[in-house]
Amino acid sequence: MPEKSQNSDDELQAEYRFDYQKAKPNRFAAYSGTQQLTVVVLDEDVAQVFNTPESGNECLPFLGRVV
């Protein structure tokens, strides 16, 4: 079994401290090309009608325009 490290407090070493004031957003993140997904939890009676993602994706945009 490996010996315990001298830093048993689980504190980060000084060289690993991150200065959040110098942080910048990732300018390439928006261009990743991946589709953003939104998860929605449906009530049980609604989930019985829209039991697949395809059924919900087909009908709900139409209902959104009607409302």
PDB file of N, CA and C in Angstrom:
ATOM      1  N   MET A   1       0.861  -1.180   0.000  1.00  0.00           N
ATOM      2  CA  MET A   1       0.000   0.000   0.000  1.00  0.00           C
ATOM      3  C   MET A   1       0.904   1.239   0.000  1.00  0.00           C
ATOM      4  N   PRO A   2       0.584   2.255  -0.819  1.00  0.00           N
ATOM      5  CA  PRO A   2       1.423   3.454  -0.877  1.00  0.00           C
ATOM      6  C   PRO A   2       1.354   4.245   0.423  1.00  0.00           C
ATOM      7  N   GLU A   3       2.464   4.895   0.716  1.00  0.00           N
ATOM      8  CA  GLU A   3       2.498   5.720   1.911  1.00  0.00           C
ATOM      9  C   GLU A   3       1.671   6.978   1.703  1.00  0.00           C
ATOM     10  N   LYS A   4       1.158   7.526   2.803  1.00  0.00           N
ATOM     11  CA  LYS A   4       0.397   8.766   2.719  1.00  0.00           C
ATOM     12  C   LYS A   4       1.325   9.908   2.381  1.00  0.00           C
ATOM     13  N   SER A   5       0.847  10.825   1.594  1.00  0.00           N
ATOM     14  CA  SER A   5       1.662  11.988   1.280  1.00  0.00           C
ATOM     15  C   SER A   5       1.740  12.895   2.502  1.00  0.00           C
ATOM     16  N   GLN A   6       2.703  13.764   2.501  1.00  0.00           N
ATOM     17  CA  GLN A   6       2.872  14.678   3.624  1.00  0.00           C
ATOM     18  C   GLN A   6       1.727  15.670   3.708  1.00  0.00           C
ATOM     19  N   ASN A   7       1.072  15.909   2.603  1.00  0.00           N
ATOM     20  CA  ASN A   7      -0.022  16.881   2.566  1.00  0.00           C
ATOM     21  C   ASN A   7      -1.344  16.143   2.744  1.00  0.00           C
ATOM     22  N   SER A   8      -1.648  15.721   3.947  1.00  0.00           N
ATOM     23  CA  SER A   8      -2.837  14.914   4.187  1.00  0.00           C
ATOM     24  C   SER A   8      -4.114  15.732   4.300  1.00  0.00           C
ATOM     25  N   ASP A   9      -4.024  17.063   4.242  1.00  0.00           N
ATOM     26  CA  ASP A   9      -5.226  17.914   4.325  1.00  0.00           C
ATOM     27  C   ASP A   9      -5.983  17.956   3.011  1.00  0.00           C
ATOM     28  N   ASP A  10      -5.445  17.360   1.964  1.00  0.00           N
ATOM     29  CA  ASP A  10      -5.996  17.449   0.614  1.00  0.00           C
ATOM     30  C   ASP A  10      -5.981  18.880   0.097  1.00  0.00           C
ATOM     31  N   GLU A  11      -5.035  19.656   0.523  1.00  0.00           N
ATOM     32  CA  GLU A  11      -4.871  21.025   0.037  1.00  0.00           C
ATOM     33  C   GLU A  11      -4.067  20.981  -1.249  1.00  0.00           C
ATOM     34  N   LEU A  12      -4.375  21.873  -2.159  1.00  0.00           N
ATOM     35  CA  LEU A  12      -3.609  21.965  -3.395  1.00  0.00           C
ATOM     36  C   LEU A  12      -2.246  22.586  -3.120  1.00  0.00           C
ATOM     37  N   GLN A  13      -1.286  22.128  -3.855  1.00  0.00           N
ATOM     38  CA  GLN A  13       0.032  22.741  -3.785  1.00  0.00           C
ATOM     39  C   GLN A  13      -0.060  24.134  -4.391  1.00  0.00           C
ATOM     40  N   ALA A  14       0.845  25.014  -4.023  1.00  0.00           N
ATOM     41  CA  ALA A  14       0.822  26.406  -4.490  1.00  0.00           C
ATOM     42  C   ALA A  14       0.853  26.492  -6.013  1.00  0.00           C
ATOM     43  N   GLU A  15       1.597  25.598  -6.655  1.00  0.00           N
ATOM     44  CA  GLU A  15       1.692  25.667  -8.124  1.00  0.00           C
ATOM     45  C   GLU A  15       0.400  25.263  -8.816  1.00  0.00           C
ATOM     46  N   TYR A  16      -0.537  24.655  -8.086  1.00  0.00           N
ATOM     47  CA  TYR A  16      -1.808  24.256  -8.671  1.00  0.00           C
ATOM     48  C   TYR A  16      -2.955  25.192  -8.326  1.00  0.00           C
ATOM     49  N   ARG A  17      -2.706  26.231  -7.612  1.00  0.00           N
ATOM     50  CA  ARG A  17      -3.765  27.175  -7.262  1.00  0.00           C
ATOM     51  C   ARG A  17      -4.169  27.951  -8.506  1.00  0.00           C
ATOM     52  N   PHE A  18      -5.455  28.065  -8.720  1.00  0.00           N
ATOM     53  CA  PHE A  18      -5.979  28.717  -9.914  1.00  0.00           C
ATOM     54  C   PHE A  18      -6.462  30.111  -9.566  1.00  0.00           C
ATOM     55  N   ASP A  19      -6.001  31.107 -10.311  1.00  0.00           N
ATOM     56  CA  ASP A  19      -6.408  32.485 -10.089  1.00  0.00           C
ATOM     57  C   ASP A  19      -7.629  32.770 -10.967  1.00  0.00           C
ATOM     58  N   TYR A  20      -8.822  32.739 -10.391  1.00  0.00           N
ATOM     59  CA  TYR A  20     -10.053  32.903 -11.151  1.00  0.00           C
ATOM     60  C   TYR A  20     -10.202  34.320 -11.714  1.00  0.00           C
ATOM     61  N   GLN A  21      -9.499  35.288 -11.161  1.00  0.00           N
ATOM     62  CA  GLN A  21      -9.574  36.651 -11.682  1.00  0.00           C
ATOM     63  C   GLN A  21      -8.899  36.765 -13.045  1.00  0.00           C
ATOM     64  N   LYS A  22      -7.998  35.857 -13.351  1.00  0.00           N
ATOM     65  CA  LYS A  22      -7.307  35.871 -14.645  1.00  0.00           C
ATOM     66  C   LYS A  22      -7.981  34.945 -15.665  1.00  0.00           C
ATOM     67  N   ALA A  23      -9.036  34.264 -15.254  1.00  0.00           N
ATOM     68  CA  ALA A  23      -9.701  33.301 -16.131  1.00  0.00           C
ATOM     69  C   ALA A  23     -10.446  34.013 -17.254  1.00  0.00           C
ATOM     70  N   LYS A  24     -10.447  33.382 -18.415  1.00  0.00           N
ATOM     71  CA  LYS A  24     -11.165  33.896 -19.582  1.00  0.00           C
ATOM     72  C   LYS A  24     -12.041  32.779 -20.121  1.00  0.00           C
ATOM     73  N   PRO A  25     -13.175  33.136 -20.719  1.00  0.00           N
ATOM     74  CA  PRO A  25     -14.021  32.084 -21.294  1.00  0.00           C
ATOM     75  C   PRO A  25     -13.320  31.419 -22.475  1.00  0.00           C
ATOM     76  N   ASN A  26     -13.643  30.181 -22.702  1.00  0.00           N
ATOM     77  CA  ASN A  26     -13.070  29.438 -23.820  1.00  0.00           C
ATOM     78  C   ASN A  26     -13.707  29.935 -25.109  1.00  0.00           C
ATOM     79  N   ARG A  27     -12.942  30.614 -25.918  1.00  0.00           N
ATOM     80  CA  ARG A  27     -13.493  31.204 -27.146  1.00  0.00           C
ATOM     81  C   ARG A  27     -13.825  30.151 -28.187  1.00  0.00           C
ATOM     82  N   PHE A  28     -13.338  28.948 -28.030  1.00  0.00           N
ATOM     83  CA  PHE A  28     -13.615  27.886 -28.984  1.00  0.00           C
ATOM     84  C   PHE A  28     -14.784  26.999 -28.558  1.00  0.00           C
ATOM     85  N   ALA A  29     -15.292  27.163 -27.373  1.00  0.00           N
ATOM     86  CA  ALA A  29     -16.338  26.282 -26.854  1.00  0.00           C
ATOM     87  C   ALA A  29     -17.627  26.399 -27.663  1.00  0.00           C
ATOM     88  N   ALA A  30     -17.985  27.589 -28.109  1.00  0.00           N
ATOM     89  CA  ALA A  30     -19.228  27.772 -28.857  1.00  0.00           C
ATOM     90  C   ALA A  30     -19.158  27.128 -30.232  1.00  0.00           C
ATOM     91  N   TYR A  31     -17.982  26.871 -30.731  1.00  0.00           N
ATOM     92  CA  TYR A  31     -17.818  26.325 -32.068  1.00  0.00           C
ATOM     93  C   TYR A  31     -17.482  24.847 -32.055  1.00  0.00           C
ATOM     94  N   SER A  32     -17.832  24.167 -31.002  1.00  0.00           N
ATOM     95  CA  SER A  32     -17.460  22.763 -30.879  1.00  0.00           C
ATOM     96  C   SER A  32     -18.208  21.870 -31.860  1.00  0.00           C
ATOM     97  N   GLY A  33     -19.316  22.345 -32.400  1.00  0.00           N
ATOM     98  CA  GLY A  33     -20.066  21.565 -33.369  1.00  0.00           C
ATOM     99  C   GLY A  33     -20.987  20.542 -32.747  1.00  0.00           C
ATOM    100  N   THR A  34     -21.013  20.444 -31.441  1.00  0.00           N
ATOM    101  CA  THR A  34     -21.900  19.485 -30.798  1.00  0.00           C
ATOM    102  C   THR A  34     -23.263  20.126 -30.557  1.00  0.00           C
ATOM    103  N   GLN A  35     -24.266  19.310 -30.592  1.00  0.00           N
ATOM    104  CA  GLN A  35     -25.624  19.777 -30.369  1.00  0.00           C
ATOM    105  C   GLN A  35     -25.852  19.965 -28.877  1.00  0.00           C
ATOM    106  N   GLN A  36     -26.438  21.098 -28.497  1.00  0.00           N
ATOM    107  CA  GLN A  36     -26.764  21.314 -27.099  1.00  0.00           C
ATOM    108  C   GLN A  36     -28.094  20.641 -26.791  1.00  0.00           C
ATOM    109  N   LEU A  37     -28.124  19.918 -25.702  1.00  0.00           N
ATOM    110  CA  LEU A  37     -29.333  19.204 -25.305  1.00  0.00           C
ATOM    111  C   LEU A  37     -29.911  19.834 -24.051  1.00  0.00           C
ATOM    112  N   THR A  38     -31.222  19.875 -23.990  1.00  0.00           N
ATOM    113  CA  THR A  38     -31.924  20.331 -22.804  1.00  0.00           C
ATOM    114  C   THR A  38     -32.766  19.173 -22.296  1.00  0.00           C
ATOM    115  N   VAL A  39     -32.654  18.890 -21.038  1.00  0.00           N
ATOM    116  CA  VAL A  39     -33.412  17.793 -20.437  1.00  0.00           C
ATOM    117  C   VAL A  39     -34.632  18.377 -19.742  1.00  0.00           C
ATOM    118  N   VAL A  40     -35.788  17.798 -20.036  1.00  0.00           N
ATOM    119  CA  VAL A  40     -37.040  18.239 -19.440  1.00  0.00           C
ATOM    120  C   VAL A  40     -37.680  17.034 -18.770  1.00  0.00           C
ATOM    121  N   VAL A  41     -38.105  17.208 -17.541  1.00  0.00           N
ATOM    122  CA  VAL A  41     -38.786  16.132 -16.824  1.00  0.00           C
ATOM    123  C   VAL A  41     -40.290  16.345 -16.996  1.00  0.00           C
ATOM    124  N   LEU A  42     -40.933  15.339 -17.565  1.00  0.00           N
ATOM    125  CA  LEU A  42     -42.366  15.425 -17.836  1.00  0.00           C
ATOM    126  C   LEU A  42     -43.160  14.777 -16.712  1.00  0.00           C
ATOM    127  N   ASP A  43     -44.351  15.302 -16.489  1.00  0.00           N
ATOM    128  CA  ASP A  43     -45.267  14.625 -15.571  1.00  0.00           C
ATOM    129  C   ASP A  43     -45.617  13.262 -16.161  1.00  0.00           C
ATOM    130  N   GLU A  44     -46.019  12.337 -15.313  1.00  0.00           N
ATOM    131  CA  GLU A  44     -46.247  10.966 -15.757  1.00  0.00           C
ATOM    132  C   GLU A  44     -47.299  10.864 -16.856  1.00  0.00           C
ATOM    133  N   ASP A  45     -48.388  11.626 -16.737  1.00  0.00           N
ATOM    134  CA  ASP A  45     -49.438  11.538 -17.758  1.00  0.00           C
ATOM    135  C   ASP A  45     -48.961  12.089 -19.100  1.00  0.00           C
ATOM    136  N   VAL A  46     -48.133  13.107 -19.089  1.00  0.00           N
ATOM    137  CA  VAL A  46     -47.590  13.666 -20.333  1.00  0.00           C
ATOM    138  C   VAL A  46     -46.559  12.710 -20.913  1.00  0.00           C
ATOM    139  N   ALA A  47     -45.755  12.082 -20.066  1.00  0.00           N
ATOM    140  CA  ALA A  47     -44.740  11.137 -20.524  1.00  0.00           C
ATOM    141  C   ALA A  47     -45.369   9.915 -21.185  1.00  0.00           C
ATOM    142  N   GLN A  48     -46.595   9.581 -20.825  1.00  0.00           N
ATOM    143  CA  GLN A  48     -47.275   8.460 -21.479  1.00  0.00           C
ATOM    144  C   GLN A  48     -47.637   8.812 -22.919  1.00  0.00           C
ATOM    145  N   VAL A  49     -47.899  10.093 -23.189  1.00  0.00           N
ATOM    146  CA  VAL A  49     -48.220  10.522 -24.553  1.00  0.00           C
ATOM    147  C   VAL A  49     -46.941  10.672 -25.370  1.00  0.00           C
ATOM    148  N   PHE A  50     -45.942  11.342 -24.797  1.00  0.00           N
ATOM    149  CA  PHE A  50     -44.656  11.557 -25.468  1.00  0.00           C
ATOM    150  C   PHE A  50     -43.643  10.573 -24.885  1.00  0.00           C
ATOM    151  N   ASN A  51     -43.756   9.324 -25.285  1.00  0.00           N
ATOM    152  CA  ASN A  51     -42.910   8.299 -24.693  1.00  0.00           C
ATOM    153  C   ASN A  51     -41.578   8.117 -25.411  1.00  0.00           C
ATOM    154  N   THR A  52     -41.347   8.822 -26.497  1.00  0.00           N
ATOM    155  CA  THR A  52     -40.050   8.811 -27.169  1.00  0.00           C
ATOM    156  C   THR A  52     -39.641  10.247 -27.454  1.00  0.00           C
ATOM    157  N   PRO A  53     -38.357  10.524 -27.541  1.00  0.00           N
ATOM    158  CA  PRO A  53     -37.924  11.884 -27.888  1.00  0.00           C
ATOM    159  C   PRO A  53     -38.472  12.343 -29.240  1.00  0.00           C
ATOM    160  N   GLU A  54     -38.589  11.407 -30.174  1.00  0.00           N
ATOM    161  CA  GLU A  54     -39.081  11.762 -31.501  1.00  0.00           C
ATOM    162  C   GLU A  54     -40.530  12.253 -31.461  1.00  0.00           C
ATOM    163  N   SER A  55     -41.369  11.596 -30.645  1.00  0.00           N
ATOM    164  CA  SER A  55     -42.777  12.013 -30.569  1.00  0.00           C
ATOM    165  C   SER A  55     -42.893  13.409 -29.970  1.00  0.00           C
ATOM    166  N   GLY A  56     -42.103  13.690 -28.965  1.00  0.00           N
ATOM    167  CA  GLY A  56     -42.128  15.030 -28.378  1.00  0.00           C
ATOM    168  C   GLY A  56     -41.570  16.076 -29.330  1.00  0.00           C
ATOM    169  N   ASN A  57     -40.463  15.766 -29.987  1.00  0.00           N
ATOM    170  CA  ASN A  57     -39.842  16.713 -30.914  1.00  0.00           C
ATOM    171  C   ASN A  57     -40.716  16.991 -32.131  1.00  0.00           C
ATOM    172  N   GLU A  58     -41.569  16.061 -32.485  1.00  0.00           N
ATOM    173  CA  GLU A  58     -42.464  16.262 -33.630  1.00  0.00           C
ATOM    174  C   GLU A  58     -43.648  17.158 -33.273  1.00  0.00           C
ATOM    175  N   CYS A  59     -44.204  16.988 -32.105  1.00  0.00           N
ATOM    176  CA  CYS A  59     -45.444  17.666 -31.739  1.00  0.00           C
ATOM    177  C   CYS A  59     -45.237  18.979 -30.978  1.00  0.00           C
ATOM    178  N   LEU A  60     -44.289  19.026 -30.070  1.00  0.00           N
ATOM    179  CA  LEU A  60     -44.156  20.187 -29.182  1.00  0.00           C
ATOM    180  C   LEU A  60     -43.818  21.504 -29.890  1.00  0.00           C
ATOM    181  N   PRO A  61     -42.996  21.531 -30.941  1.00  0.00           N
ATOM    182  CA  PRO A  61     -42.788  22.819 -31.630  1.00  0.00           C
ATOM    183  C   PRO A  61     -44.081  23.383 -32.208  1.00  0.00           C
ATOM    184  N   PHE A  62     -44.959  22.513 -32.715  1.00  0.00           N
ATOM    185  CA  PHE A  62     -46.252  22.959 -33.228  1.00  0.00           C
ATOM    186  C   PHE A  62     -47.094  23.560 -32.101  1.00  0.00           C
ATOM    187  N   LEU A  63     -47.135  22.879 -30.971  1.00  0.00           N
ATOM    188  CA  LEU A  63     -47.913  23.398 -29.831  1.00  0.00           C
ATOM    189  C   LEU A  63     -47.354  24.721 -29.338  1.00  0.00           C
ATOM    190  N   GLY A  64     -46.049  24.890 -29.399  1.00  0.00           N
ATOM    191  CA  GLY A  64     -45.435  26.149 -29.000  1.00  0.00           C
ATOM    192  C   GLY A  64     -45.867  27.318 -29.874  1.00  0.00           C
ATOM    193  N   ARG A  65     -46.077  27.064 -31.153  1.00  0.00           N
ATOM    194  CA  ARG A  65     -46.547  28.123 -32.069  1.00  0.00           C
ATOM    195  C   ARG A  65     -48.010  28.450 -31.840  1.00  0.00           C
ATOM    196  N   VAL A  66     -48.795  27.466 -31.417  1.00  0.00           N
ATOM    197  CA  VAL A  66     -50.227  27.656 -31.202  1.00  0.00           C
ATOM    198  C   VAL A  66     -50.473  28.468 -29.923  1.00  0.00           C
ATOM    199  N   VAL A  67     -49.686  28.219 -28.910  1.00  0.00           N
ATOM    200  CA  VAL A  67     -49.893  28.872 -27.611  1.00  0.00           C
ATOM    201  C   VAL A  67     -49.464  30.249 -27.697  1.00  0.00           C
TER     202      VAL A  67
END
